Amino acid sequence: MDINVLKEEQDNVCTLHVSGLLDYSTMDSFIEKVHSIKDGTNRVIINFESLEFIDSTGIGAIINLAHKASEMQFKVELVGISEENEDLFNMIGVFEIIEALQMEG
């Protein structure tokens, strides 16, 4: 399985629909989409509804996005997260990291 990242842009909102695997072998595809986010974007929504698997490298890519958001001054919203992944994100502190970086921006 691979990753598919569908990017939708409407007004100043960018939505990335992530499906498949977000791990060490697919992280570059995700980061490529992150780096293509336009200046002037106010909010980036990451939809994980079709995400099948994420590892620590994938989580690192999400944190990388949070740092980019802080630099470019846009908000990040994670939606469609499975209960299992939400528990993992809470345990690692992903939501707290995103919140702290957004407060800096």
Protein backbone atom coordinates (compact mmCIF):
# COMPACT_ATOMS: atom_id res chain seq x y z
CA MET A 1 0.00 0.00 0.00
CA ASP A 2 1.09 3.53 -0.70
CA ILE A 3 -0.10 6.99 0.23
CA ASN A 4 -2.44 9.25 -1.66
CA VAL A 5 -2.68 12.91 -0.68
CA LEU A 6 -5.44 14.82 -2.42
CA LYS A 7 -5.05 18.58 -2.03
CA GLU A 8 -8.08 20.88 -2.22
CA GLU A 9 -7.81 24.65 -2.01
CA GLN A 10 -10.77 26.93 -1.52
CA ASP A 11 -10.42 30.57 -0.58
CA ASN A 12 -7.63 30.61 2.04
CA VAL A 13 -8.22 27.04 3.25
CA CYS A 14 -6.19 24.05 2.09
CA THR A 15 -7.47 20.53 2.81
CA LEU A 16 -5.20 17.51 2.49
CA HIS A 17 -7.08 14.20 2.29
CA VAL A 18 -4.62 11.49 3.33
CA SER A 19 -5.31 7.86 2.49
CA GLY A 20 -3.20 4.74 2.78
CA LEU A 21 0.02 4.62 4.77
CA LEU A 22 1.90 7.56 6.28
CA ASP A 23 5.24 6.07 7.22
CA TYR A 24 8.95 6.25 6.40
CA SER A 25 8.36 5.01 2.84
CA THR A 26 5.62 7.54 1.99
CA MET A 27 6.54 10.56 4.11
CA ASP A 28 8.21 12.37 1.19
CA SER A 29 4.92 12.43 -0.77
CA PHE A 30 3.14 13.97 2.21
CA ILE A 31 5.90 16.54 2.79
CA GLU A 32 5.84 17.45 -0.91
CA LYS A 33 2.15 18.40 -0.56
CA VAL A 34 2.92 20.34 2.64
CA HIS A 35 5.61 22.35 0.87
CA SER A 36 3.16 23.18 -1.93
CA ILE A 37 0.85 25.08 0.45
CA LYS A 38 0.48 28.59 -0.89
CA ASP A 39 1.42 31.76 0.94
CA GLY A 40 -1.71 33.46 2.23
CA THR A 41 -3.29 30.22 3.38
CA ASN A 42 -5.08 30.78 6.71
CA ARG A 43 -5.91 27.20 7.62
CA VAL A 44 -4.81 23.71 6.65
CA ILE A 45 -7.12 20.81 7.37
CA ILE A 46 -5.61 17.33 7.35
CA ASN A 47 -8.32 14.71 6.83
CA PHE A 48 -7.19 11.30 8.08
CA GLU A 49 -10.53 9.56 7.48
CA SER A 50 -8.95 7.12 4.98
CA LEU A 51 -5.60 6.75 6.75
CA GLU A 52 -4.84 3.08 7.28
CA PHE A 53 -1.53 3.30 9.16
CA ILE A 54 0.83 5.88 10.60
CA ASP A 55 4.22 5.34 12.24
CA SER A 56 6.56 7.64 14.16
CA THR A 57 7.99 9.04 10.91
CA GLY A 58 4.49 9.97 9.78
CA ILE A 59 3.84 11.65 13.11
CA GLY A 60 7.10 13.53 12.64
CA ALA A 61 5.80 14.75 9.27
CA ILE A 62 2.68 16.12 10.99
CA ILE A 63 4.84 17.94 13.53
CA ASN A 64 6.94 19.26 10.63
CA LEU A 65 3.70 20.65 9.18
CA ALA A 66 2.94 22.32 12.52
CA HIS A 67 6.34 24.05 12.43
CA LYS A 68 5.70 25.21 8.85
CA ALA A 69 2.29 26.48 9.97
CA SER A 70 3.92 28.52 12.71
CA GLU A 71 6.39 30.03 10.22
CA MET A 72 3.72 30.77 7.58
CA GLN A 73 1.12 31.78 10.19
CA PHE A 74 -1.68 29.39 9.33
CA LYS A 75 -3.73 27.15 11.60
CA VAL A 76 -3.65 23.35 11.40
CA GLU A 77 -6.69 21.21 12.05
CA LEU A 78 -6.60 17.40 12.17
CA VAL A 79 -9.92 15.71 11.36
CA GLY A 80 -11.20 12.19 10.71
CA ILE A 81 -8.70 10.59 13.08
CA SER A 82 -9.50 7.05 14.16
CA GLU A 83 -9.93 6.46 17.89
CA GLU A 84 -6.73 4.38 17.93
CA ASN A 85 -4.68 7.12 16.25
CA GLU A 86 -6.27 9.81 18.41
CA ASP A 87 -5.13 7.89 21.49
CA LEU A 88 -1.63 7.63 19.99
CA PHE A 89 -1.54 11.36 19.14
CA ASN A 90 -2.67 12.19 22.69
CA MET A 91 -0.06 9.90 24.24
CA ILE A 92 2.76 11.42 22.16
CA GLY A 93 1.49 14.99 22.61
CA VAL A 94 0.85 15.82 18.94
CA PHE A 95 -2.19 17.99 19.71
CA GLU A 96 -0.31 19.88 22.43
CA ILE A 97 2.66 20.51 20.11
CA ILE A 98 0.36 21.85 17.38
CA GLU A 99 -1.48 24.04 19.88
CA ALA A 100 1.76 25.43 21.34
CA LEU A 101 3.21 26.21 17.90
CA GLN A 102 -0.03 27.91 16.82
CA MET A 103 0.12 30.13 19.88
CA GLU A 104 3.62 31.27 18.83
CA GLY A 105 2.47 32.24 15.32
